[in-house]
Amino acid sequence: AVISESGGILSHCSIVAREYQIPAIVSVKGATMLKDNMLIAVDAFKGKVSVLNDDFVLDNEYLNEMIEPLKINKRRF
């Protein structure tokens, strides 16, 4: 995923990410505070970036919440 502190839907970053089908979120306040190897969750549908703890466990409820928008978008095509 691409996370950028600046830019908009027509920025170069957004256009390239969309072309290569890479999830991207732009205009994220504090994005430059993220460090290499940090464990994060990116929900590009909601525009949400979450920093996770080292002991984070991916449970089914979290997965279903993340997958539901994919099911909705798949039906549109």
N, C-alpha and C. Protein backbone atom coordinates (compact mmCIF):
# COMPACT_ATOMS: atom_id res chain seq x y z
N ALA A 1 0.85 -1.19 0.00
CA ALA A 1 0.00 0.00 0.00
C ALA A 1 0.89 1.24 0.00
N VAL A 2 0.33 2.31 -0.52
CA VAL A 2 1.02 3.60 -0.55
C VAL A 2 0.31 4.53 0.41
N ILE A 3 1.07 5.17 1.29
CA ILE A 3 0.52 6.15 2.22
C ILE A 3 1.31 7.43 2.03
N SER A 4 0.61 8.53 1.78
CA SER A 4 1.27 9.81 1.52
C SER A 4 0.64 10.91 2.36
N GLU A 5 1.48 11.78 2.88
CA GLU A 5 0.96 12.89 3.69
C GLU A 5 0.40 14.01 2.82
N SER A 6 0.83 14.07 1.58
CA SER A 6 0.32 15.12 0.69
C SER A 6 -0.30 14.47 -0.54
N GLY A 7 -0.96 15.29 -1.33
CA GLY A 7 -1.55 14.81 -2.57
C GLY A 7 -3.06 14.71 -2.49
N GLY A 8 -3.64 14.40 -3.62
CA GLY A 8 -5.09 14.27 -3.73
C GLY A 8 -5.41 13.19 -4.75
N ILE A 9 -6.68 13.11 -5.15
CA ILE A 9 -7.07 12.03 -6.05
C ILE A 9 -6.46 12.16 -7.44
N LEU A 10 -6.02 13.36 -7.80
CA LEU A 10 -5.40 13.56 -9.11
C LEU A 10 -3.88 13.72 -9.03
N SER A 11 -3.30 13.47 -7.86
CA SER A 11 -1.85 13.58 -7.72
C SER A 11 -1.17 12.41 -8.44
N HIS A 12 0.09 12.59 -8.76
CA HIS A 12 0.86 11.55 -9.46
C HIS A 12 0.83 10.25 -8.66
N CYS A 13 1.01 10.35 -7.36
CA CYS A 13 1.01 9.18 -6.49
C CYS A 13 -0.30 8.39 -6.63
N SER A 14 -1.42 9.08 -6.59
CA SER A 14 -2.73 8.43 -6.69
C SER A 14 -2.94 7.78 -8.05
N ILE A 15 -2.55 8.48 -9.09
CA ILE A 15 -2.75 7.97 -10.45
C ILE A 15 -1.90 6.72 -10.70
N VAL A 16 -0.65 6.74 -10.29
CA VAL A 16 0.23 5.58 -10.48
C VAL A 16 -0.27 4.39 -9.65
N ALA A 17 -0.66 4.64 -8.40
CA ALA A 17 -1.17 3.56 -7.56
C ALA A 17 -2.43 2.95 -8.16
N ARG A 18 -3.32 3.78 -8.66
CA ARG A 18 -4.55 3.27 -9.27
C ARG A 18 -4.23 2.45 -10.52
N GLU A 19 -3.29 2.92 -11.33
CA GLU A 19 -2.91 2.22 -12.57
C GLU A 19 -2.37 0.82 -12.27
N TYR A 20 -1.58 0.71 -11.19
CA TYR A 20 -1.00 -0.58 -10.82
C TYR A 20 -1.85 -1.34 -9.80
N GLN A 21 -3.04 -0.83 -9.52
CA GLN A 21 -3.98 -1.45 -8.59
C GLN A 21 -3.37 -1.68 -7.21
N ILE A 22 -2.66 -0.67 -6.73
CA ILE A 22 -2.06 -0.69 -5.40
C ILE A 22 -2.93 0.17 -4.49
N PRO A 23 -3.37 -0.36 -3.35
CA PRO A 23 -4.15 0.47 -2.43
C PRO A 23 -3.34 1.70 -2.01
N ALA A 24 -3.99 2.86 -2.01
CA ALA A 24 -3.29 4.09 -1.66
C ALA A 24 -4.20 5.00 -0.86
N ILE A 25 -3.61 5.68 0.11
CA ILE A 25 -4.31 6.69 0.88
C ILE A 25 -3.42 7.92 0.88
N VAL A 26 -3.96 9.05 0.43
CA VAL A 26 -3.20 10.30 0.38
C VAL A 26 -3.78 11.30 1.37
N SER A 27 -3.02 12.35 1.64
CA SER A 27 -3.41 13.40 2.60
C SER A 27 -3.60 12.83 4.00
N VAL A 28 -2.72 11.93 4.41
CA VAL A 28 -2.77 11.33 5.75
C VAL A 28 -1.91 12.18 6.67
N LYS A 29 -2.55 12.87 7.61
CA LYS A 29 -1.80 13.67 8.58
C LYS A 29 -0.95 12.76 9.44
N GLY A 30 0.33 13.08 9.55
CA GLY A 30 1.25 12.29 10.35
C GLY A 30 1.85 11.10 9.63
N ALA A 31 1.64 10.98 8.34
CA ALA A 31 2.17 9.84 7.59
C ALA A 31 3.70 9.79 7.66
N THR A 32 4.34 10.93 7.74
CA THR A 32 5.80 10.95 7.80
C THR A 32 6.33 10.44 9.15
N MET A 33 5.44 10.26 10.12
CA MET A 33 5.83 9.74 11.43
C MET A 33 5.96 8.21 11.40
N LEU A 34 5.40 7.57 10.36
CA LEU A 34 5.50 6.12 10.25
C LEU A 34 6.94 5.72 9.97
N LYS A 35 7.38 4.66 10.60
CA LYS A 35 8.75 4.18 10.45
C LYS A 35 8.78 2.87 9.68
N ASP A 36 9.94 2.55 9.11
CA ASP A 36 10.12 1.27 8.43
C ASP A 36 9.84 0.13 9.41
N ASN A 37 9.27 -0.93 8.90
CA ASN A 37 8.98 -2.16 9.65
C ASN A 37 7.92 -2.00 10.72
N MET A 38 7.18 -0.87 10.73
CA MET A 38 6.05 -0.74 11.65
C MET A 38 4.92 -1.63 11.15
N LEU A 39 4.21 -2.24 12.08
CA LEU A 39 3.07 -3.07 11.74
C LEU A 39 1.84 -2.16 11.65
N ILE A 40 1.28 -2.05 10.45
CA ILE A 40 0.12 -1.18 10.25
C ILE A 40 -0.97 -1.92 9.48
N ALA A 41 -2.18 -1.43 9.61
CA ALA A 41 -3.31 -1.92 8.81
C ALA A 41 -3.78 -0.76 7.96
N VAL A 42 -3.98 -1.02 6.68
CA VAL A 42 -4.42 0.02 5.74
C VAL A 42 -5.78 -0.39 5.19
N ASP A 43 -6.77 0.46 5.39
CA ASP A 43 -8.10 0.25 4.82
C ASP A 43 -8.33 1.38 3.83
N ALA A 44 -7.97 1.14 2.57
CA ALA A 44 -8.07 2.19 1.55
C ALA A 44 -9.51 2.55 1.23
N PHE A 45 -10.45 1.64 1.48
CA PHE A 45 -11.86 1.94 1.24
C PHE A 45 -12.36 3.02 2.19
N LYS A 46 -11.90 2.96 3.45
CA LYS A 46 -12.33 3.93 4.46
C LYS A 46 -11.34 5.07 4.62
N GLY A 47 -10.16 4.97 3.98
CA GLY A 47 -9.13 5.98 4.15
C GLY A 47 -8.53 5.95 5.54
N LYS A 48 -8.33 4.76 6.06
CA LYS A 48 -7.91 4.59 7.45
C LYS A 48 -6.57 3.86 7.53
N VAL A 49 -5.66 4.41 8.32
CA VAL A 49 -4.37 3.78 8.59
C VAL A 49 -4.27 3.59 10.09
N SER A 50 -4.02 2.37 10.53
CA SER A 50 -3.93 2.07 11.96
C SER A 50 -2.58 1.46 12.27
N VAL A 51 -1.92 1.97 13.30
CA VAL A 51 -0.67 1.38 13.78
C VAL A 51 -1.06 0.28 14.75
N LEU A 52 -0.54 -0.92 14.51
CA LEU A 52 -0.89 -2.09 15.31
C LEU A 52 0.21 -2.41 16.31
N ASN A 53 -0.17 -3.02 17.41
CA ASN A 53 0.79 -3.48 18.41
C ASN A 53 1.49 -4.73 17.89
N ASP A 54 2.64 -5.05 18.46
CA ASP A 54 3.37 -6.25 18.06
C ASP A 54 2.58 -7.52 18.35
N ASP A 55 1.70 -7.47 19.35
CA ASP A 55 0.94 -8.66 19.72
C ASP A 55 -0.43 -8.72 19.04
N PHE A 56 -0.63 -7.92 17.99
CA PHE A 56 -1.91 -7.89 17.28
C PHE A 56 -2.17 -9.24 16.64
N VAL A 57 -3.39 -9.73 16.81
CA VAL A 57 -3.81 -11.00 16.20
C VAL A 57 -4.95 -10.69 15.25
N LEU A 58 -4.83 -11.15 14.02
CA LEU A 58 -5.85 -10.93 13.00
C LEU A 58 -6.99 -11.92 13.24
N ASP A 59 -8.14 -11.42 13.67
CA ASP A 59 -9.26 -12.31 13.93
C ASP A 59 -10.27 -12.26 12.78
N ASN A 60 -11.20 -13.19 12.78
CA ASN A 60 -12.17 -13.29 11.69
C ASN A 60 -13.05 -12.06 11.58
N GLU A 61 -13.43 -11.45 12.69
CA GLU A 61 -14.27 -10.26 12.65
C GLU A 61 -13.56 -9.13 11.91
N TYR A 62 -12.28 -8.94 12.20
CA TYR A 62 -11.50 -7.89 11.53
C TYR A 62 -11.38 -8.21 10.04
N LEU A 63 -11.12 -9.46 9.71
CA LEU A 63 -11.00 -9.85 8.30
C LEU A 63 -12.31 -9.63 7.55
N ASN A 64 -13.43 -10.02 8.14
CA ASN A 64 -14.72 -9.83 7.49
C ASN A 64 -15.01 -8.37 7.26
N GLU A 65 -14.64 -7.51 8.19
CA GLU A 65 -14.84 -6.07 8.04
C GLU A 65 -14.01 -5.54 6.87
N MET A 66 -12.81 -6.07 6.69
CA MET A 66 -11.93 -5.63 5.61
C MET A 66 -12.38 -6.19 4.26
N ILE A 67 -12.93 -7.39 4.23
CA ILE A 67 -13.29 -8.06 2.98
C ILE A 67 -14.63 -7.59 2.44
N GLU A 68 -15.55 -7.16 3.29
CA GLU A 68 -16.90 -6.78 2.86
C GLU A 68 -16.88 -5.74 1.72
N PRO A 69 -16.09 -4.66 1.79
CA PRO A 69 -16.07 -3.72 0.66
C PRO A 69 -15.62 -4.37 -0.65
N LEU A 70 -14.75 -5.37 -0.58
CA LEU A 70 -14.31 -6.05 -1.79
C LEU A 70 -15.47 -6.79 -2.44
N LYS A 71 -16.32 -7.40 -1.63
CA LYS A 71 -17.48 -8.11 -2.16
C LYS A 71 -18.44 -7.13 -2.84
N ILE A 72 -18.64 -5.98 -2.21
CA ILE A 72 -19.54 -4.96 -2.78
C ILE A 72 -19.00 -4.47 -4.12
N ASN A 73 -17.72 -4.15 -4.19
CA ASN A 73 -17.13 -3.64 -5.43
C ASN A 73 -17.11 -4.70 -6.52
N LYS A 74 -16.94 -5.94 -6.16
CA LYS A 74 -16.90 -7.02 -7.14
C LYS A 74 -18.25 -7.16 -7.84
N ARG A 75 -19.33 -6.92 -7.12
CA ARG A 75 -20.67 -7.04 -7.69
C ARG A 75 -20.95 -5.95 -8.72
N ARG A 76 -20.28 -4.83 -8.63
CA ARG A 76 -20.55 -3.72 -9.53
C ARG A 76 -20.04 -3.98 -10.94
N PHE A 77 -19.07 -4.87 -11.10
CA PHE A 77 -18.45 -5.06 -12.41
C PHE A 77 -19.03 -6.22 -13.16
